[in-house]
Amino acid sequence: MITMILDGYNVIHAVPELARQLDRGLQSAREALVRLCEAYRARRGDIGQVYVVFDGRDDEISGASEQPRGRVTLCFTRRPEEADQRILRLIEAKSTGRCVVVSNDNEVYN
């Protein structure tokens, strides 16, 4: 099974359908991304777990820095950690399997 790791805000800003949700707020855009990930995972059938990593925490979010939603886990970094650093840690932790990363940041490109 493939582990998929997304840089959440990169994806939200790159996909027009998700970027439009920002007019309703960050939480709305994040929820739309989760729904998109769930649908994509169901269509593919070969994706085991999806991690969506977001830079920082804001006042809307309470609780743990990781929020599992079935096979989609939302990860929120805390300063000084940035999303790219968390993505790299997730990749290292999943070193035994195949990982696909969706990001436009050069730090995680390899």
Foldseek 3Di string as FASTA:
>chain_A
DEEEEEAAVQVQVVDVVLVVLCVVNPVSSSVVVVVVVVVVCVVVVPYQAYEHEYEADDPVDDDDQWDDDDRYIYGYDHPPDGRLNVVVVVCVVPVVDHYHYHHPDPSNDD
